[in-house]
Protein backbone atom coordinates (compact mmCIF):
# COMPACT_ATOMS: atom_id res chain seq x y z
CA MET A 1 113.34 70.85 83.57
CA VAL A 2 109.78 70.12 84.74
CA PHE A 3 106.76 72.29 84.02
CA ASP A 4 103.39 72.39 85.74
CA ILE A 5 101.03 72.43 82.75
CA ARG A 6 97.66 72.45 84.43
CA VAL A 7 95.45 74.63 82.28
CA ARG A 8 91.78 75.21 82.89
CA LEU A 9 89.89 74.18 79.79
CA GLY A 10 87.89 77.12 78.52
CA ALA A 11 90.51 79.60 79.77
CA VAL A 12 91.24 82.51 77.44
CA MET A 13 94.93 83.08 76.78
CA HIS A 14 96.53 86.05 75.02
CA ILE A 15 99.58 84.73 73.21
CA ARG A 16 102.24 87.14 71.95
CA PRO A 17 104.19 86.36 68.78
CA ALA A 18 107.40 86.01 70.84
CA ASP A 19 105.79 83.17 72.85
CA ARG A 20 105.03 81.09 69.75
CA VAL A 21 107.14 78.96 67.45
CA ASN A 22 105.50 80.29 64.23
CA PRO A 23 104.48 83.89 64.97
CA ALA A 24 103.78 84.91 61.36
CA ASP A 25 100.18 86.00 61.96
CA GLY A 26 100.83 88.09 65.05
CA PRO A 27 99.25 87.83 68.51
CA VAL A 28 96.46 85.33 69.14
CA THR A 29 93.66 85.20 71.70
CA LEU A 30 92.77 81.55 72.25
CA ARG A 31 89.98 79.80 74.18
CA VAL A 32 91.79 76.63 75.29
CA THR A 33 90.16 73.24 74.63
CA GLY A 34 93.23 71.05 75.14
CA VAL A 35 96.95 70.86 75.90
CA ARG A 36 99.40 68.32 74.50
CA LEU A 37 103.01 67.70 75.42
CA VAL A 38 105.62 67.73 72.68
CA ALA A 39 107.09 64.24 72.74
CA ASN A 40 109.60 64.60 69.91
CA GLN A 41 111.66 67.45 71.38
CA ARG A 42 114.22 67.57 74.13
CA GLN A 43 112.51 68.42 77.38
CA ASP A 44 114.60 71.55 77.97
CA TYR A 45 112.97 73.22 74.97
CA GLY A 46 109.87 73.54 77.16
CA ARG A 47 107.15 73.63 74.51
CA VAL A 48 103.53 72.45 74.56
CA TRP A 49 100.71 72.47 72.03
CA LEU A 50 97.67 74.53 72.96
CA GLU A 51 94.50 73.57 71.13
CA GLY A 52 91.45 75.76 70.95
CA PHE A 53 89.46 78.39 69.12
CA ARG A 54 90.91 81.72 68.10
CA LEU A 55 88.66 84.47 69.35
CA THR A 56 87.53 87.17 66.96
CA GLU A 57 87.80 90.87 67.81
CA ASP A 58 84.26 90.82 69.23
CA GLY A 59 85.12 87.82 71.47
CA GLY A 60 83.25 85.22 69.42
CA PRO A 61 84.74 81.86 68.47
CA GLY A 62 86.82 81.82 65.31
CA ARG A 63 88.66 78.98 63.65
CA GLN A 64 89.99 76.00 65.56
CA THR A 65 93.76 75.89 65.79
CA GLN A 66 96.82 74.38 67.46
CA ILE A 67 99.65 76.65 68.60
CA LEU A 68 103.07 75.56 69.81
CA VAL A 69 104.00 77.78 72.78
CA ARG A 70 106.59 78.00 75.54
CA ALA A 71 105.51 75.93 78.55
CA ASP A 72 106.49 78.66 80.99
CA LEU A 73 103.78 80.84 79.40
CA LEU A 74 101.13 78.67 81.05
CA PRO A 75 99.86 79.76 84.45
CA PRO A 76 100.72 77.47 87.40
């Protein structure tokens, strides 16, 4: 399985709990600053790390975070 993981840095992504590996804190709105492949998993799991800043309710930057998400969530 091959994924096209081009992501525009600075893009804002709305990530549902179902799209994350650890969804304990609910949905997240993330301003993307980086994307990393997951090298220690089988490729058919299709997961990537998104790095960025969680956006607050007013759209301002919150804390920096890394979120493991399904690769097919990313736009082509």
